[in-house]
Structure formats: C-alpha cells, structure tokens
Amino acid sequence: MSNVPSHHWGLEPIVAALRASREELHRTRHPRGIRELPSREAVANIINGLRAALFPTHFGAPGLTDETVDYYVGHTLESTLRLLAEQIRRALRFLPEHADTPETELREHAYAIASEFGRQLPDIRALLVSDIQAAFAGDPAAQHITEILLCYPGICAMTHHRMAHALYRLGVPLLARVINEIAHSGTGIDIHPGAQIGPSFFIDHGTGVVIGETAIIGERVRVYQAVTLGAKSFAADIDGSLVKGNARHPLVEDDVVIYAGATILGRVTIGRGSVIGGNVWLTHSVPPGSSVSQGKVREGERADAVSSRVQP
C-alpha cells in the first residue's frame, strides 16, 4: 500500500474559471477561431535542417565525404522543405486574404512558396558567407571561419534573419517572425524580418542589438552590442490605433560603423562611411563621412542637455 498521501486539488472550479477566462473574459484566440498554429519547435527543426544543408561540413551529419555530401544535402532539403511547406500553410491561414481559401488551394500555395524559397537558398548562402567573411575581417580575435560559424551570435542571428527575410518577402510574415524570435531568444539580437540588410554585415558581440522592421542597411556595415535602429514616434489613426507599415526606421548607407550603445531613431539617413560613436543618441540625418560622438559635459551643464557633436 502506498504511503503517498492522497490530495484533492479541487480542479473543477479552476478548470471552469480558466474556460471562462478563455472564452468570455480574456480571449486571446484568433477572431476566426484558428486552432492549427505554426509550431515553434517545428520551425526550430526546420532552421537546423536548412543550416545543415547550407553548411553541411559544420552542421550536417558527421563523416560526410565528397561522395556523400550532395546526397546528404538533397535528402536534408527534401525532408526540410516538406516540413517548411506545412508550417507555411498554417501561417498563411492568418492572413486576411486567405481567410476563405480552400484547403487544397492553400496547401498548393504553401508548396509553391516553399519551392521558391528553396530556389533562393544559394543566394542566401552567398549573403551569409559575405557576413562570415566580414566577421573574420572585422574581428582580430577571430581565428578561422569555423570559429565564426560555430560560436558567433551575430552569425547565428543573421542565419535566421536571411531565411526569415526571404519568407517575409514571399508573403509569410508570421512564420518569418517566429524564425527571428527563435534567434532573439538565443542571442539577444532582435532583428525584425522586414529589415533590409545588405551583404557583408557584421554584428560584433551582439547582445541587445535591435533593428526595426523598416530599417534599410547597406553593404559592409558593422554594428556593436546594444545598438538600436528604432522608431522615433508612431503615427496613429483617428481612433488612436497605431498605423502599421509606415517607414519609420533609419537608413544606414554603405561602410558605416556604429559603436556600442548607440541609439538611432526615426527615418533618418546615416551617410556612407560615417562612424557613430558609442552611446550616441541620434535623431537626425548625418552626411557621408561624418564622425558622431557624445558631447562633452561642461561644468554646470546637465548631461541630458548636451547634443552629440557631428564632425563631417
């Protein structure tokens, strides 16, 4: 006979109260009652499969040879793209234009998107290699490419972002957001999938970096930890709801360096070749070749009243 005491949890009123919360008081369900949601776990597995297909010697099966690697990549892509198509199908149902799309048509559309995404993988890999090379060139502590691929959080975040951005452009924003939020959770780097980022992008250290939805970043840009490319304000409609989709984040031109803790807000342009110093707060455009640093605090002057110094 068991010595474990018997407990009565009184679950009936708890279950009833939770049902009332779900169905009446604090509803969180989609207005159309969609229950088949994208799976975060499945998306994580998809990203792992795609990463293995892109860099099989680093993330693929052990013991791959020149004779077996292509078979491995093809087999991995076949299974991974099928999983991706299913998650795309689930995500498409959340778009208003697909509210009443027949299931067969929605499934075919999802497979078409997954197929197009697959065709883009060589270009995505090329962009990622440019990011890896930028990290190797920009970090004197980097010993070799393998270290960067396996260890650098900025490369992990950009791997997710390059894939998520492709899906965002293919019309699957919910799935794209899930992909980038997985990277955000693991690296502390928050990049919206809508952000447009050119080749050879290097995030050094990375923790706390935030890049907003409508940011546009050129080529060979380098940013450090805790950099924010954010919005200065949010337009609202007549009933106070935020207007979605407005261009509200910075434009960063080619060859810009943004040091740790800098905050750049609004639809401003950081001119080509500029250097933005650490902890700068910037809400206006600067011309190409600018050097922006914190203003020095003179005796008796409040720190928060001192503007940044811009030297073209």
Protein backbone atom coordinates (compact mmCIF):
# COMPACT_ATOMS: atom_id res chain seq x y z
CA MET A 1 0.00 0.00 0.00
CA SER A 2 1.37 3.41 -0.98
CA ASN A 3 2.38 5.86 1.75
CA VAL A 4 1.92 8.84 -0.58
CA PRO A 5 -0.92 10.95 0.82
CA SER A 6 -3.99 11.41 -1.32
CA HIS A 7 -4.73 15.02 -2.36
CA HIS A 8 -7.80 16.58 -3.84
CA TRP A 9 -6.84 19.62 -5.92
CA GLY A 10 -10.35 20.93 -6.45
CA LEU A 11 -9.78 21.13 -10.17
CA GLU A 12 -13.40 21.55 -11.26
CA PRO A 13 -13.75 25.25 -10.31
CA ILE A 14 -10.22 26.00 -11.61
CA VAL A 15 -10.99 24.42 -14.99
CA ALA A 16 -14.31 26.27 -15.13
CA ALA A 17 -12.66 29.61 -14.29
CA LEU A 18 -9.98 29.04 -16.95
CA ARG A 19 -12.67 28.26 -19.52
CA ALA A 20 -14.50 31.47 -18.62
CA SER A 21 -11.22 33.38 -18.98
CA ARG A 22 -10.51 31.80 -22.40
CA GLU A 23 -13.99 32.03 -23.86
CA GLU A 24 -15.52 35.14 -22.29
CA LEU A 25 -13.39 37.36 -20.10
CA HIS A 26 -9.87 37.44 -21.57
CA ARG A 27 -9.99 35.92 -25.04
CA THR A 28 -6.68 35.52 -26.86
CA ARG A 29 -7.85 33.22 -29.64
CA HIS A 30 -7.83 34.44 -33.21
CA PRO A 31 -11.18 36.08 -34.17
CA ARG A 32 -11.83 33.27 -36.65
CA GLY A 33 -11.01 30.65 -34.03
CA ILE A 34 -7.94 29.24 -35.79
CA ARG A 35 -6.59 26.37 -33.72
CA GLU A 36 -3.91 24.95 -36.04
CA LEU A 37 -0.95 27.19 -35.32
CA PRO A 38 2.63 27.21 -36.59
CA SER A 39 4.84 25.17 -34.28
CA ARG A 40 7.86 26.93 -32.81
CA GLU A 41 9.52 23.55 -32.23
CA ALA A 42 8.95 22.52 -35.85
CA VAL A 43 10.32 25.86 -37.08
CA ALA A 44 13.47 25.39 -34.96
CA ASN A 45 13.96 21.95 -36.53
CA ILE A 46 13.46 23.45 -40.00
CA ILE A 47 16.14 26.08 -39.36
CA ASN A 48 18.53 23.39 -38.14
CA GLY A 49 17.87 21.37 -41.30
CA LEU A 50 18.37 24.36 -43.58
CA ARG A 51 21.57 25.34 -41.79
CA ALA A 52 22.85 21.78 -42.22
CA ALA A 53 22.06 21.92 -45.93
CA LEU A 54 23.81 25.27 -46.33
CA PHE A 55 26.90 24.33 -44.29
CA PRO A 56 26.95 20.52 -44.21
CA THR A 57 30.54 20.14 -43.01
CA HIS A 58 29.80 22.34 -39.99
CA PHE A 59 26.21 21.45 -39.11
CA GLY A 60 25.48 18.29 -41.08
CA ALA A 61 26.00 14.61 -40.33
CA PRO A 62 29.47 13.53 -39.17
CA GLY A 63 31.70 11.70 -41.59
CA LEU A 64 30.46 13.32 -44.79
CA THR A 65 32.75 12.88 -47.80
CA ASP A 66 32.92 14.38 -51.28
CA GLU A 67 30.97 11.36 -52.49
CA THR A 68 28.19 11.59 -49.88
CA VAL A 69 27.74 15.30 -49.20
CA ASP A 70 25.47 16.05 -52.16
CA TYR A 71 23.22 13.11 -51.30
CA TYR A 72 23.05 14.34 -47.71
CA VAL A 73 22.19 17.90 -48.77
CA GLY A 74 19.50 16.71 -51.19
CA HIS A 75 17.94 14.35 -48.65
CA THR A 76 18.00 17.03 -45.95
CA LEU A 77 16.41 19.62 -48.23
CA GLU A 78 13.70 17.20 -49.36
CA SER A 79 12.53 16.50 -45.81
CA THR A 80 13.09 20.05 -44.52
CA LEU A 81 11.23 21.81 -47.32
CA ARG A 82 8.26 19.47 -46.80
CA LEU A 83 8.20 20.46 -43.13
CA LEU A 84 8.52 24.11 -44.14
CA ALA A 85 5.59 23.87 -46.55
CA GLU A 86 3.36 22.59 -43.75
CA GLN A 87 4.34 25.46 -41.44
CA ILE A 88 3.79 27.94 -44.29
CA ARG A 89 0.30 26.51 -44.82
CA ARG A 90 -0.53 27.05 -41.17
CA ALA A 91 0.86 30.59 -41.19
CA LEU A 92 -0.95 31.61 -44.39
CA ARG A 93 -4.32 30.99 -42.77
CA PHE A 94 -3.70 34.02 -40.52
CA LEU A 95 -3.59 36.39 -43.50
CA PRO A 96 -6.91 38.10 -44.27
CA GLU A 97 -6.61 37.28 -47.96
CA HIS A 98 -6.50 33.57 -47.13
CA ALA A 99 -9.34 33.51 -44.61
CA ASP A 100 -11.60 31.62 -47.01
CA THR A 101 -9.06 29.97 -49.30
CA PRO A 102 -9.96 26.29 -49.82
CA GLU A 103 -7.61 23.91 -48.03
CA THR A 104 -6.34 22.25 -51.21
CA GLU A 105 -5.53 25.60 -52.80
CA LEU A 106 -3.83 26.82 -49.62
CA ARG A 107 -1.67 23.70 -49.48
CA GLU A 108 -0.62 24.15 -53.12
CA HIS A 109 0.21 27.79 -52.48
CA ALA A 110 2.32 26.81 -49.46
CA TYR A 111 4.27 24.29 -51.53
CA ALA A 112 4.85 26.91 -54.22
CA ILE A 113 6.28 29.32 -51.63
CA ALA A 114 8.48 26.60 -50.13
CA SER A 115 9.75 25.72 -53.62
CA GLU A 116 10.61 29.33 -54.39
CA PHE A 117 12.32 29.65 -51.02
CA GLY A 118 14.39 26.56 -51.84
CA ARG A 119 15.50 28.14 -55.13
CA GLN A 120 16.72 31.17 -53.17
CA LEU A 121 18.95 29.13 -50.84
CA PRO A 122 22.14 29.52 -52.94
CA ASP A 123 21.74 33.31 -52.84
CA ILE A 124 21.01 33.19 -49.10
CA ARG A 125 24.17 31.17 -48.57
CA ALA A 126 26.19 33.69 -50.59
CA LEU A 127 24.93 36.50 -48.34
CA LEU A 128 25.77 34.52 -45.22
CA VAL A 129 29.27 33.80 -46.48
CA SER A 130 29.75 37.54 -47.02
CA ASP A 131 28.65 38.11 -43.40
CA ILE A 132 31.09 35.44 -42.19
CA GLN A 133 33.93 36.99 -44.18
CA ALA A 134 33.06 40.42 -42.76
CA ALA A 135 33.25 38.98 -39.24
CA PHE A 136 36.64 37.41 -39.95
CA ALA A 137 37.98 40.65 -41.45
CA GLY A 138 36.50 42.86 -38.72
CA ASP A 139 37.38 40.93 -35.57
CA PRO A 140 41.07 40.48 -34.71
CA ALA A 141 40.09 37.76 -32.22
CA ALA A 142 38.62 35.55 -34.94
CA GLN A 143 40.93 32.62 -35.66
CA HIS A 144 39.14 30.96 -38.57
CA ILE A 145 35.82 30.56 -40.37
CA THR A 146 34.79 27.52 -38.31
CA GLU A 147 35.04 29.50 -35.08
CA ILE A 148 32.80 32.20 -36.55
CA LEU A 149 30.19 29.74 -37.80
CA LEU A 150 30.02 27.77 -34.59
CA CYS A 151 30.46 30.49 -31.99
CA TYR A 152 29.47 33.97 -33.16
CA PRO A 153 25.95 35.03 -32.08
CA GLY A 154 25.83 37.65 -34.84
CA ILE A 155 26.22 34.95 -37.49
CA CYS A 156 23.56 32.82 -35.81
CA ALA A 157 21.18 35.80 -35.81
CA MET A 158 21.94 36.62 -39.43
CA THR A 159 21.44 33.00 -40.49
CA HIS A 160 17.93 33.21 -39.07
CA HIS A 161 17.36 36.68 -40.49
CA ARG A 162 18.46 35.89 -44.05
CA MET A 163 16.00 33.00 -44.13
CA ALA A 164 13.25 34.91 -42.34
CA HIS A 165 13.58 37.92 -44.64
CA ALA A 166 13.20 35.68 -47.69
CA LEU A 167 9.97 34.23 -46.27
CA TYR A 168 8.79 37.72 -45.28
CA ARG A 169 9.20 38.86 -48.89
CA LEU A 170 7.42 35.72 -50.08
CA GLY A 171 4.36 36.70 -48.05
CA VAL A 172 4.65 34.64 -44.85
CA PRO A 173 5.27 37.29 -42.16
CA LEU A 174 4.09 35.22 -39.18
CA LEU A 175 6.49 32.36 -39.90
CA ALA A 176 9.29 34.84 -40.56
CA ARG A 177 8.67 36.44 -37.18
CA VAL A 178 8.81 33.07 -35.42
CA ILE A 179 12.19 32.37 -37.04
CA ASN A 180 13.70 35.65 -35.90
CA GLU A 181 12.26 35.37 -32.41
CA ILE A 182 13.99 31.99 -32.02
CA ALA A 183 17.27 33.75 -32.80
CA HIS A 184 16.34 36.63 -30.49
CA SER A 185 15.80 34.21 -27.61
CA GLY A 186 19.15 32.52 -28.20
CA THR A 187 21.37 35.50 -28.96
CA GLY A 188 19.77 38.63 -27.50
CA ILE A 189 19.80 40.14 -31.02
CA ASP A 190 16.38 41.36 -32.16
CA ILE A 191 16.08 41.87 -35.93
CA HIS A 192 12.65 42.25 -37.47
CA PRO A 193 12.32 40.04 -40.57
CA GLY A 194 11.25 43.04 -42.63
CA ALA A 195 14.60 44.81 -42.19
CA GLN A 196 16.61 45.01 -45.42
CA ILE A 197 20.28 44.23 -44.78
CA GLY A 198 22.96 44.26 -47.45
CA PRO A 199 25.91 41.86 -47.78
CA SER A 200 28.96 41.77 -45.50
CA PHE A 201 27.03 42.76 -42.39
CA PHE A 202 28.92 42.21 -39.13
CA ILE A 203 27.34 42.30 -35.66
CA ASP A 204 30.18 42.19 -33.12
CA HIS A 205 29.27 40.73 -29.70
CA GLY A 206 25.64 41.49 -30.44
CA THR A 207 23.74 41.33 -27.15
CA GLY A 208 20.99 43.95 -27.10
CA VAL A 209 21.11 44.89 -30.80
CA VAL A 210 17.66 45.95 -32.07
CA ILE A 211 16.90 46.55 -35.77
CA GLY A 212 13.37 47.63 -36.69
CA GLU A 213 11.04 46.46 -39.44
CA THR A 214 11.62 49.23 -41.98
CA ALA A 215 15.36 49.73 -41.44
CA ILE A 216 17.48 49.58 -44.60
CA ILE A 217 21.18 48.79 -44.17
CA GLY A 218 23.73 48.97 -46.95
CA GLU A 219 26.87 46.96 -47.64
CA ARG A 220 29.83 46.38 -45.32
CA VAL A 221 28.12 47.86 -42.26
CA ARG A 222 29.41 46.97 -38.79
CA VAL A 223 27.47 47.37 -35.53
CA TYR A 224 28.36 46.53 -31.95
CA GLN A 225 26.37 45.41 -28.92
CA ALA A 226 23.34 47.34 -27.67
CA VAL A 227 22.91 49.33 -30.91
CA THR A 228 19.30 50.32 -31.64
CA LEU A 229 17.97 51.24 -35.07
CA GLY A 230 14.49 52.14 -33.94
CA ALA A 231 11.47 54.36 -34.48
CA LYS A 232 11.23 57.84 -33.01
CA SER A 233 7.44 58.03 -32.98
CA PHE A 234 4.40 56.06 -34.04
CA ALA A 235 1.65 57.53 -36.20
CA ALA A 236 -1.92 56.82 -35.03
CA ASP A 237 -5.22 56.93 -36.87
CA ILE A 238 -8.32 58.84 -35.82
CA ASP A 239 -9.32 56.28 -33.18
CA GLY A 240 -5.83 56.11 -31.67
CA SER A 241 -4.74 52.80 -33.19
CA LEU A 242 -1.14 52.67 -34.45
CA VAL A 243 -0.73 52.89 -38.22
CA LYS A 244 1.07 49.79 -39.49
CA GLY A 245 3.75 49.66 -42.17
CA ASN A 246 5.00 53.26 -42.23
CA ALA A 247 8.70 53.74 -42.95
CA ARG A 248 9.93 54.74 -39.50
CA HIS A 249 13.42 53.28 -39.03
CA PRO A 250 16.86 54.51 -40.13
CA LEU A 251 18.58 54.19 -43.50
CA VAL A 252 22.22 53.21 -43.00
CA GLU A 253 24.38 53.60 -46.09
CA ASP A 254 27.44 51.55 -47.07
CA ASP A 255 30.60 51.27 -44.94
CA VAL A 256 29.10 52.70 -41.75
CA VAL A 257 30.35 51.68 -38.29
CA ILE A 258 28.04 52.07 -35.28
CA TYR A 259 29.68 51.54 -31.90
CA ALA A 260 28.23 50.03 -28.74
CA GLY A 261 25.15 51.53 -27.15
CA ALA A 262 24.34 53.97 -29.96
CA THR A 263 20.64 54.69 -30.47
CA ILE A 264 19.47 55.97 -33.86
CA LEU A 265 15.78 56.74 -34.13
CA GLY A 266 13.40 57.69 -36.93
CA ARG A 267 13.56 57.75 -40.71
CA VAL A 268 16.99 59.37 -40.78
CA THR A 269 19.92 58.65 -43.08
CA ILE A 270 23.40 57.80 -41.87
CA GLY A 271 25.63 58.77 -44.77
CA ARG A 272 28.13 56.43 -46.38
CA GLY A 273 31.38 55.88 -44.48
CA SER A 274 30.16 57.54 -41.28
CA VAL A 275 31.24 56.48 -37.79
CA ILE A 276 28.70 56.70 -34.96
CA GLY A 277 30.36 56.66 -31.57
CA GLY A 278 29.34 54.68 -28.50
CA ASN A 279 26.24 55.72 -26.55
CA VAL A 280 25.30 58.42 -29.06
CA TRP A 281 21.59 59.35 -29.23
CA LEU A 282 20.84 60.41 -32.80
CA THR A 283 17.52 61.55 -34.27
CA HIS A 284 18.67 63.46 -37.36
CA SER A 285 20.44 62.56 -40.59
CA VAL A 286 24.19 62.97 -40.99
CA PRO A 287 26.07 63.41 -44.30
CA PRO A 288 28.53 60.89 -45.73
CA GLY A 289 31.85 60.66 -43.93
CA SER A 290 30.53 62.03 -40.64
CA SER A 291 32.02 61.21 -37.26
CA VAL A 292 29.44 61.48 -34.50
CA SER A 293 30.43 61.36 -30.84
CA GLN A 294 28.99 62.30 -27.49
CA GLY A 295 29.22 65.92 -26.47
CA LYS A 296 31.46 66.68 -23.52
CA VAL A 297 29.71 67.87 -20.38
CA ARG A 298 30.98 71.24 -19.20
CA GLU A 299 30.87 72.19 -15.54
CA GLY A 300 27.34 73.18 -14.53
CA GLU A 301 25.77 71.74 -17.71
CA ARG A 302 23.27 68.89 -17.48
CA ALA A 303 24.39 65.76 -19.34
CA ASP A 304 20.97 65.25 -20.87
CA ALA A 305 21.06 68.75 -22.35
CA VAL A 306 24.24 68.18 -24.36
CA SER A 307 23.80 67.28 -28.01
CA SER A 308 26.05 64.95 -29.97
CA ARG A 309 28.94 66.54 -31.85
CA VAL A 310 28.98 65.87 -35.59
CA GLN A 311 32.23 66.26 -37.50
CA PRO A 312 31.89 65.76 -41.26
